[in-house]
Protein backbone atom coordinates (compact mmCIF):
# COMPACT_ATOMS: atom_id res chain seq x y z
CA MET A 1 101.71 39.88 -25.10
CA LYS A 2 104.77 41.75 -23.98
CA ALA A 3 104.39 43.29 -20.51
CA TYR A 4 104.39 47.08 -20.19
CA ARG A 5 106.79 46.85 -17.22
CA GLN A 6 105.27 49.96 -15.63
CA TYR A 7 104.37 50.26 -11.95
CA CYS A 8 100.90 51.57 -12.79
CA GLY A 9 97.52 49.97 -12.10
CA LEU A 10 96.31 50.51 -15.66
CA ALA A 11 99.48 49.04 -17.18
CA ARG A 12 99.38 46.03 -14.81
CA GLY A 13 95.70 45.49 -15.59
CA LEU A 14 96.37 45.63 -19.33
CA ASP A 15 99.16 43.09 -18.86
CA VAL A 16 96.39 40.70 -17.73
CA VAL A 17 93.38 41.66 -19.90
CA GLY A 18 94.93 43.59 -22.80
CA ASP A 19 95.42 40.68 -25.19
CA ARG A 20 92.97 40.45 -28.07
CA TRP A 21 89.87 38.38 -27.21
CA VAL A 22 90.40 38.37 -23.43
CA LEU A 23 87.62 40.84 -22.58
CA LEU A 24 85.30 39.16 -25.09
CA ILE A 25 85.93 35.84 -23.34
CA VAL A 26 85.08 37.62 -20.08
CA ARG A 27 81.86 38.89 -21.70
CA GLU A 28 80.92 35.30 -22.52
CA LEU A 29 81.58 34.13 -18.95
CA ILE A 30 80.00 37.00 -17.03
CA ASN A 31 76.62 35.32 -16.75
CA GLY A 32 77.91 31.92 -15.75
CA PRO A 33 80.06 28.95 -16.70
CA ARG A 34 80.34 27.92 -20.35
CA ARG A 35 81.59 24.87 -22.16
CA TYR A 36 84.35 25.25 -24.73
CA GLY A 37 81.87 24.80 -27.59
CA GLU A 38 79.59 27.49 -26.16
CA LEU A 39 82.56 29.83 -26.03
CA THR A 40 83.45 29.19 -29.67
CA HIS A 41 79.82 29.89 -30.65
CA GLY A 42 79.81 33.15 -28.70
CA LEU A 43 83.17 34.24 -30.12
CA PRO A 44 82.80 33.99 -33.91
CA GLY A 45 86.13 34.52 -35.62
CA ILE A 46 88.43 33.18 -32.90
CA ALA A 47 90.63 30.25 -33.88
CA THR A 48 90.20 27.28 -31.55
CA ASN A 49 93.93 27.14 -30.78
CA LEU A 50 93.90 30.84 -29.87
CA LEU A 51 90.87 30.36 -27.60
CA ALA A 52 92.66 27.48 -25.88
CA GLU A 53 95.77 29.64 -25.43
CA ARG A 54 93.77 32.59 -24.04
CA LEU A 55 91.92 30.33 -21.59
CA ARG A 56 95.23 28.83 -20.41
CA THR A 57 96.67 32.31 -19.84
CA MET A 58 93.50 33.53 -18.12
CA ARG A 59 93.62 30.50 -15.80
CA ALA A 60 97.30 31.15 -15.04
CA ASN A 61 96.46 34.80 -14.28
CA GLY A 62 93.66 33.79 -11.90
CA LEU A 63 90.76 35.15 -13.99
CA VAL A 64 89.22 31.83 -15.04
CA ALA A 65 88.82 28.43 -13.40
CA LYS A 66 87.63 25.11 -14.79
CA THR A 67 84.65 23.47 -13.10
CA ASP A 68 84.31 19.76 -12.26
CA ASP A 69 81.96 19.32 -15.22
CA ASP A 70 84.53 20.72 -17.69
CA ARG A 71 83.15 24.23 -18.02
CA TYR A 72 84.99 27.52 -17.70
CA GLN A 73 83.92 30.18 -15.23
CA LEU A 74 85.23 33.48 -13.97
CA THR A 75 86.91 33.40 -10.59
CA GLN A 76 85.81 35.88 -7.95
CA TRP A 77 88.64 38.15 -9.09
CA GLY A 78 87.57 37.67 -12.73
CA GLN A 79 84.00 38.66 -11.79
CA GLY A 80 85.47 42.05 -10.86
CA LEU A 81 85.75 42.70 -14.60
CA ARG A 82 81.94 42.89 -14.87
CA GLU A 83 82.00 46.65 -14.26
CA VAL A 84 84.93 47.09 -16.66
CA VAL A 85 83.09 45.28 -19.46
CA SER A 86 79.90 47.23 -18.71
CA ALA A 87 81.79 50.55 -18.70
CA ILE A 88 83.48 49.83 -22.04
CA ALA A 89 80.15 48.72 -23.55
CA GLY A 90 78.47 51.90 -22.30
CA TRP A 91 81.31 54.06 -23.58
CA ALA A 92 81.08 52.34 -26.99
CA THR A 93 77.29 52.69 -27.36
CA PRO A 94 77.68 55.67 -29.75
CA LEU A 95 79.77 53.39 -31.99
CA MET A 96 76.81 51.03 -32.34
CA ASP A 97 74.56 53.37 -34.32
CA ARG A 98 74.55 51.06 -37.34
CA ILE A 99 75.29 47.38 -37.78
CA ALA A 100 77.54 46.63 -40.76
CA GLU A 101 76.52 43.96 -43.24
CA ASP A 102 79.47 41.78 -42.24
CA ASP A 103 79.00 42.20 -38.46
CA THR A 104 78.03 39.08 -36.56
CA PHE A 105 75.60 39.28 -33.66
CA ARG A 106 74.50 37.03 -30.83
CA ALA A 107 71.38 37.90 -28.85
CA HIS A 108 73.10 37.71 -25.46
CA TRP A 109 75.54 40.44 -26.53
CA ILE A 110 72.77 42.95 -25.91
CA ALA A 111 73.19 42.49 -22.15
CA ALA A 112 76.42 44.51 -21.78
CA PRO A 113 75.23 47.72 -23.44
CA VAL A 114 71.81 47.53 -21.77
CA THR A 115 73.18 47.06 -18.26
CA SER A 116 75.62 49.92 -18.86
CA LEU A 117 72.74 52.21 -19.84
CA PHE A 118 70.92 51.55 -16.56
CA PRO A 119 73.60 51.08 -13.88
CA GLY A 120 73.05 50.51 -10.20
CA VAL A 121 69.76 50.86 -8.38
CA ASP A 122 67.50 53.83 -9.00
CA PRO A 123 64.27 53.72 -6.94
CA THR A 124 62.58 56.07 -9.43
CA ARG A 125 62.85 53.51 -12.26
CA PRO A 126 59.45 52.11 -13.18
CA GLU A 127 58.66 48.40 -13.03
CA LEU A 128 58.96 47.23 -16.62
CA THR A 129 59.55 44.02 -18.58
CA ILE A 130 60.79 44.19 -22.16
CA GLU A 131 61.27 41.20 -24.42
CA VAL A 132 63.91 41.77 -27.10
CA ARG A 133 63.91 39.64 -30.24
CA CYS A 134 66.92 40.58 -32.33
CA GLY A 135 68.93 37.41 -32.60
CA GLU A 136 68.70 33.65 -32.44
CA ALA A 137 67.01 33.70 -29.02
CA PRO A 138 64.87 36.23 -27.15
CA MET A 139 66.30 38.22 -24.25
CA THR A 140 64.35 39.73 -21.36
CA ILE A 141 65.14 43.10 -19.83
CA ARG A 142 63.52 43.59 -16.44
CA SER A 143 63.37 46.69 -14.30
CA ALA A 144 62.29 45.76 -10.77
CA GLU A 145 62.88 47.50 -7.47
CA GLY A 146 65.03 50.06 -9.26
CA ALA A 147 67.50 47.56 -10.74
CA VAL A 148 67.76 46.49 -14.38
CA THR A 149 68.66 42.90 -15.24
CA VAL A 150 69.01 41.10 -18.56
CA HIS A 151 68.63 37.36 -19.04
CA ALA A 152 68.10 34.89 -21.85
CA GLY A 153 64.61 33.67 -22.64
CA GLN A 154 61.11 34.90 -23.25
CA ALA A 155 59.31 37.16 -20.81
CA ALA A 156 56.19 35.70 -19.18
CA ALA A 157 54.11 38.87 -19.57
CA PRO A 158 56.16 41.62 -21.26
CA ASP A 159 55.00 45.22 -21.15
CA LEU A 160 56.86 45.84 -24.39
CA VAL A 161 58.26 43.63 -27.16
CA LEU A 162 60.99 44.89 -29.49
CA THR A 163 61.55 42.79 -32.63
CA GLY A 164 64.11 43.66 -35.25
CA PRO A 165 67.69 44.68 -35.88
CA PRO A 166 70.03 45.07 -32.90
CA ASP A 167 71.26 48.53 -33.89
CA ALA A 168 67.71 49.93 -33.88
CA THR A 169 67.03 48.16 -30.56
CA ILE A 170 70.15 49.59 -28.88
CA GLY A 171 69.45 52.99 -30.44
CA LEU A 172 65.94 53.06 -28.98
CA LEU A 173 66.93 51.73 -25.55
CA SER A 174 69.77 54.27 -25.31
CA ARG A 175 67.41 57.04 -26.44
CA ARG A 176 69.79 57.90 -29.29
CA ILE A 177 66.87 57.40 -31.69
CA ASP A 178 63.15 57.85 -31.13
CA PRO A 179 60.43 55.22 -31.72
CA ALA A 180 59.60 56.64 -35.17
CA GLU A 181 63.19 56.28 -36.37
CA ALA A 182 63.47 52.83 -34.75
CA LYS A 183 60.38 51.72 -36.69
CA ALA A 184 61.79 53.24 -39.90
CA ARG A 185 64.93 51.16 -39.34
CA GLY A 186 62.88 47.96 -39.12
CA LEU A 187 62.08 47.63 -35.41
CA ALA A 188 58.59 46.37 -34.59
CA ILE A 189 57.37 47.75 -31.27
CA THR A 190 54.52 45.91 -29.55
CA GLY A 191 53.20 47.83 -26.56
CA ASP A 192 53.53 51.43 -25.45
CA ALA A 193 56.93 52.83 -26.49
CA ALA A 194 56.33 55.73 -24.11
CA LEU A 195 57.18 53.28 -21.30
CA LEU A 196 60.81 53.67 -22.31
């Protein structure tokens, strides 16, 4: 990518993360190191030579490092993009009203929009565990001590289970649609939807 050559924080930042796929690679690495094959699985549509090139550039720019066991991870500076990715995902939530027939989806992609919907620590948030089943693997959303976290895997004792299409799930969690519309769009809700 050609540099903007502007003495501006936004322009300099875009010189580093503005290439296509860079922020999606960051999304894949936010929750920990990944092997090259895991990255290709999480980035459907990227050519392997382009992924290799982006990783080389990200390493040269100090965003990504390679671990001793041949995985890629964000550097401390790269981890600073967590809030950027979350902010963009939150900003784009209205664009996720419907999933197109040709859209691909991976279950862990739900983490960015969910964490953007419930940022920071809010002591008034209720304790709640939600299991989300809208992809190849379940995800667990947990609200504890005012903070919301998302991780892969089944919940031990969920208060609520949401099973169905990702657009209905995101719509319900963002309160852009109500439980009745979510159900009409194919989302099965097990538990008390009023907990949301």
